[in-house]
Protein backbone atom coordinates (compact mmCIF):
# COMPACT_ATOMS: atom_id res chain seq x y z
CA MET A 1 24.93 -212.52 -96.09
CA GLU A 2 24.07 -215.14 -98.65
CA PHE A 3 22.34 -214.02 -101.83
CA PRO A 4 20.02 -216.06 -104.04
CA LYS A 5 21.69 -217.37 -107.20
CA TYR A 6 19.54 -215.05 -109.36
CA LEU A 7 18.00 -211.63 -108.73
CA LEU A 8 15.67 -209.53 -110.90
CA GLY A 9 16.53 -205.92 -111.60
CA ASP A 10 15.06 -203.01 -113.50
CA ASN A 11 15.96 -199.42 -114.14
CA SER A 12 13.74 -196.55 -115.26
CA ASP A 13 16.46 -195.44 -117.70
CA TYR A 14 15.75 -198.69 -119.60
CA PRO A 15 11.95 -198.98 -119.34
CA SER A 16 11.55 -202.05 -121.57
CA ALA A 17 14.55 -203.96 -120.19
CA VAL A 18 14.51 -206.61 -117.49
CA PHE A 19 17.81 -207.58 -115.93
CA VAL A 20 18.68 -210.87 -114.29
CA ILE A 21 21.72 -210.77 -112.02
CA HIS A 22 23.63 -214.03 -111.50
CA THR A 23 25.33 -213.75 -108.11
CA ALA A 24 27.38 -216.97 -108.17
CA PHE A 25 30.60 -217.48 -110.12
CA PRO A 26 30.79 -216.44 -112.85
CA ARG A 27 28.83 -213.33 -111.90
CA PHE A 28 27.01 -211.54 -114.71
CA ILE A 29 24.02 -209.39 -115.57
CA ILE A 30 21.86 -210.26 -118.55
CA ASN A 31 19.44 -207.90 -120.22
CA LEU A 32 16.55 -210.17 -121.25
CA GLU A 33 15.32 -207.61 -123.74
CA ASN A 34 18.27 -208.33 -126.05
CA ASP A 35 20.21 -211.15 -124.28
CA GLU A 36 23.22 -208.85 -123.83
CA VAL A 37 25.49 -210.20 -121.08
CA GLU A 38 27.83 -208.12 -118.94
CA TRP A 39 30.36 -210.25 -117.08
CA LEU A 40 31.41 -209.08 -113.62
CA GLU A 41 34.50 -211.29 -113.57
CA ASP A 42 37.88 -211.14 -115.25
CA PHE A 43 38.70 -214.26 -117.26
CA ASP A 44 41.94 -215.63 -118.64
CA SER A 45 42.06 -217.27 -122.09
CA GLN A 46 41.50 -220.76 -120.66
CA ASP A 47 38.41 -219.62 -118.74
CA GLN A 48 37.14 -217.82 -121.83
CA LYS A 49 36.84 -221.07 -123.81
CA GLU A 50 34.83 -222.77 -121.09
CA LEU A 51 32.71 -219.66 -120.64
CA GLU A 52 31.76 -219.59 -124.31
CA THR A 53 30.40 -223.12 -124.10
CA GLU A 54 28.46 -222.39 -120.90
CA THR A 55 27.01 -219.01 -121.90
CA GLU A 56 24.00 -220.56 -123.63
CA ASN A 57 23.19 -222.52 -120.46
CA PHE A 58 23.50 -219.38 -118.32
CA ILE A 59 21.08 -217.52 -120.60
CA LYS A 60 18.59 -220.40 -120.48
CA GLU A 61 18.81 -220.57 -116.67
CA ALA A 62 18.35 -216.80 -116.34
CA SER A 63 15.35 -216.86 -118.69
CA ALA A 64 13.79 -219.80 -116.82
CA PHE A 65 14.29 -217.95 -113.52
CA TYR A 66 12.55 -214.87 -114.94
CA ASP A 67 9.64 -216.94 -116.29
CA ARG A 68 9.24 -218.67 -112.92
CA GLU A 69 9.22 -215.37 -111.05
CA ILE A 70 6.66 -213.84 -113.40
CA ASP A 71 4.43 -216.90 -113.03
CA ARG A 72 4.61 -216.53 -109.25
CA TYR A 73 3.64 -212.85 -109.45
CA GLU A 74 0.69 -213.70 -111.66
CA ASP A 75 -0.46 -216.45 -109.29
CA ASP A 76 -0.62 -214.04 -106.33
């Protein structure tokens, strides 16, 4: 099965949080309430440097995905 690059998630234990799950490498979950990122991959020191430079882009992409999805819900 192929998953979309991003998925939305929520959990009643965190009622004000919205989670965006990035399913492609590097996989992560971001809590848009506080921009906390949980990486689902193990990285070596070389990967870590590249990851630090790309993290801002991942957060922007995840936020844009969320905004697009919310706009689509509101349009329906």
